[in-house]
Amino acid sequence: MPFPEPIKDEAKRKARYCCVWCKQMMIPIEVHHIIREADDGPNTLDNAVALCPTHHNTVWA
């Protein structure tokens, strides 16, 4: 299950709409699970990180 919209919004706001990896301000910015959902990672703010689309794809590579 994806993050609820309020969690995604807060994760993006906390990151100042910048990728935490490359620090580039990006619209759209994506929210990624730190602990994967498949590994029982929760859909909480503590498990959310903002990434640009490039680095979001890198995480899954």
N, C-alpha and C. Protein backbone atom coordinates (compact mmCIF):
# COMPACT_ATOMS: atom_id res chain seq x y z
N MET A 1 0.85 -1.18 0.00
CA MET A 1 0.00 0.00 0.00
C MET A 1 0.89 1.24 0.00
N PRO A 2 0.60 2.20 -0.83
CA PRO A 2 1.41 3.42 -0.88
C PRO A 2 1.20 4.30 0.36
N PHE A 3 2.10 5.26 0.51
CA PHE A 3 1.95 6.20 1.61
C PHE A 3 0.65 6.98 1.47
N PRO A 4 0.00 7.29 2.58
CA PRO A 4 -1.15 8.21 2.53
C PRO A 4 -0.66 9.60 2.09
N GLU A 5 -1.50 10.32 1.39
CA GLU A 5 -1.13 11.65 0.88
C GLU A 5 -0.57 12.59 1.96
N PRO A 6 -1.16 12.64 3.18
CA PRO A 6 -0.59 13.55 4.20
C PRO A 6 0.85 13.18 4.57
N ILE A 7 1.19 11.90 4.57
CA ILE A 7 2.56 11.48 4.87
C ILE A 7 3.49 11.90 3.74
N LYS A 8 3.07 11.68 2.51
CA LYS A 8 3.89 12.10 1.36
C LYS A 8 4.10 13.62 1.38
N ASP A 9 3.04 14.35 1.62
CA ASP A 9 3.15 15.82 1.66
C ASP A 9 4.13 16.27 2.73
N GLU A 10 4.06 15.67 3.91
CA GLU A 10 4.94 16.07 5.00
C GLU A 10 6.40 15.67 4.72
N ALA A 11 6.62 14.50 4.14
CA ALA A 11 7.99 14.08 3.80
C ALA A 11 8.60 15.04 2.78
N LYS A 12 7.83 15.44 1.79
CA LYS A 12 8.32 16.39 0.79
C LYS A 12 8.61 17.75 1.43
N ARG A 13 7.71 18.20 2.28
CA ARG A 13 7.90 19.50 2.94
C ARG A 13 9.15 19.48 3.80
N LYS A 14 9.33 18.41 4.59
CA LYS A 14 10.50 18.32 5.47
C LYS A 14 11.80 18.32 4.67
N ALA A 15 11.77 17.77 3.48
CA ALA A 15 12.96 17.74 2.62
C ALA A 15 13.09 19.02 1.79
N ARG A 16 12.17 19.95 2.00
CA ARG A 16 12.14 21.21 1.26
C ARG A 16 12.05 20.96 -0.24
N TYR A 17 11.33 19.90 -0.60
CA TYR A 17 11.10 19.53 -1.99
C TYR A 17 12.40 19.28 -2.74
N CYS A 18 13.42 18.83 -1.99
CA CYS A 18 14.71 18.47 -2.56
C CYS A 18 14.96 16.99 -2.36
N CYS A 19 15.67 16.40 -3.30
CA CYS A 19 16.08 15.01 -3.18
C CYS A 19 17.10 14.91 -2.05
N VAL A 20 16.92 13.99 -1.14
CA VAL A 20 17.86 13.87 -0.02
C VAL A 20 19.20 13.31 -0.48
N TRP A 21 19.25 12.75 -1.67
CA TRP A 21 20.49 12.17 -2.20
C TRP A 21 21.32 13.24 -2.91
N CYS A 22 20.73 13.91 -3.91
CA CYS A 22 21.50 14.86 -4.73
C CYS A 22 21.24 16.32 -4.35
N LYS A 23 20.28 16.55 -3.47
CA LYS A 23 19.94 17.89 -2.96
C LYS A 23 19.34 18.81 -4.02
N GLN A 24 18.96 18.26 -5.17
CA GLN A 24 18.33 19.07 -6.21
C GLN A 24 16.87 19.28 -5.90
N MET A 25 16.41 20.53 -6.06
CA MET A 25 14.99 20.80 -5.92
C MET A 25 14.31 20.24 -7.15
N MET A 26 13.30 19.47 -6.92
CA MET A 26 12.69 18.73 -8.01
C MET A 26 11.18 18.75 -7.86
N ILE A 27 10.50 19.01 -8.96
CA ILE A 27 9.06 18.84 -9.00
C ILE A 27 8.80 18.00 -10.24
N PRO A 28 8.30 16.81 -10.17
CA PRO A 28 7.79 16.21 -8.94
C PRO A 28 8.91 15.55 -8.13
N ILE A 29 8.75 15.58 -6.85
CA ILE A 29 9.63 14.83 -5.94
C ILE A 29 8.83 13.60 -5.51
N GLU A 30 9.52 12.49 -5.35
CA GLU A 30 8.84 11.24 -5.02
C GLU A 30 9.17 10.83 -3.59
N VAL A 31 8.32 10.04 -3.00
CA VAL A 31 8.53 9.57 -1.63
C VAL A 31 8.78 8.07 -1.67
N HIS A 32 9.86 7.66 -1.05
CA HIS A 32 10.32 6.28 -1.08
C HIS A 32 10.32 5.69 0.33
N HIS A 33 10.02 4.40 0.42
CA HIS A 33 10.10 3.69 1.69
C HIS A 33 11.57 3.40 2.02
N ILE A 34 12.01 3.72 3.21
CA ILE A 34 13.37 3.38 3.66
C ILE A 34 13.44 1.87 3.86
N ILE A 35 12.52 1.33 4.62
CA ILE A 35 12.37 -0.13 4.75
C ILE A 35 11.24 -0.50 3.80
N ARG A 36 11.54 -1.33 2.83
CA ARG A 36 10.57 -1.68 1.80
C ARG A 36 9.28 -2.24 2.38
N GLU A 37 8.19 -1.95 1.70
CA GLU A 37 6.90 -2.51 2.10
C GLU A 37 6.96 -4.03 2.11
N ALA A 38 7.68 -4.62 1.15
CA ALA A 38 7.80 -6.07 1.08
C ALA A 38 8.49 -6.65 2.31
N ASP A 39 9.27 -5.82 3.00
CA ASP A 39 9.94 -6.22 4.24
C ASP A 39 9.21 -5.69 5.46
N ASP A 40 7.92 -5.45 5.30
CA ASP A 40 7.05 -4.93 6.37
C ASP A 40 7.38 -3.52 6.82
N GLY A 41 7.94 -2.73 5.91
CA GLY A 41 8.18 -1.32 6.22
C GLY A 41 6.86 -0.58 6.33
N PRO A 42 6.70 0.22 7.38
CA PRO A 42 5.43 0.91 7.58
C PRO A 42 5.27 2.13 6.66
N ASN A 43 4.06 2.55 6.47
CA ASN A 43 3.74 3.75 5.70
C ASN A 43 3.69 4.95 6.64
N THR A 44 4.80 5.20 7.32
CA THR A 44 4.89 6.29 8.29
C THR A 44 5.92 7.31 7.85
N LEU A 45 5.85 8.49 8.44
CA LEU A 45 6.81 9.54 8.13
C LEU A 45 8.23 9.11 8.46
N ASP A 46 8.41 8.35 9.52
CA ASP A 46 9.76 7.88 9.90
C ASP A 46 10.34 6.93 8.88
N ASN A 47 9.53 6.36 8.03
CA ASN A 47 10.01 5.41 7.02
C ASN A 47 9.93 6.01 5.61
N ALA A 48 9.81 7.32 5.52
CA ALA A 48 9.66 7.99 4.23
C ALA A 48 10.86 8.88 3.95
N VAL A 49 11.26 8.90 2.69
CA VAL A 49 12.36 9.76 2.26
C VAL A 49 12.00 10.33 0.89
N ALA A 50 12.33 11.60 0.68
CA ALA A 50 12.04 12.27 -0.59
C ALA A 50 13.22 12.08 -1.54
N LEU A 51 12.92 11.63 -2.75
CA LEU A 51 13.94 11.40 -3.77
C LEU A 51 13.47 11.95 -5.11
N CYS A 52 14.42 12.42 -5.92
CA CYS A 52 14.10 12.79 -7.29
C CYS A 52 13.81 11.51 -8.06
N PRO A 53 13.14 11.59 -9.20
CA PRO A 53 12.83 10.38 -9.97
C PRO A 53 14.07 9.56 -10.33
N THR A 54 15.17 10.23 -10.66
CA THR A 54 16.41 9.50 -11.01
C THR A 54 16.90 8.66 -9.86
N HIS A 55 16.98 9.25 -8.67
CA HIS A 55 17.49 8.50 -7.52
C HIS A 55 16.47 7.51 -6.97
N HIS A 56 15.21 7.79 -7.16
CA HIS A 56 14.19 6.80 -6.78
C HIS A 56 14.38 5.54 -7.63
N ASN A 57 14.65 5.72 -8.92
CA ASN A 57 14.92 4.56 -9.78
C ASN A 57 16.23 3.88 -9.43
N THR A 58 17.24 4.64 -9.00
CA THR A 58 18.54 4.09 -8.61
C THR A 58 18.40 3.18 -7.41
N VAL A 59 17.57 3.54 -6.48
CA VAL A 59 17.36 2.75 -5.27
C VAL A 59 16.87 1.36 -5.64
N TRP A 60 16.05 1.26 -6.68
CA TRP A 60 15.47 -0.02 -7.07
C TRP A 60 16.35 -0.81 -8.01
N ALA A 61 17.43 -0.20 -8.52
CA ALA A 61 18.30 -0.89 -9.49
C ALA A 61 19.14 -1.96 -8.84
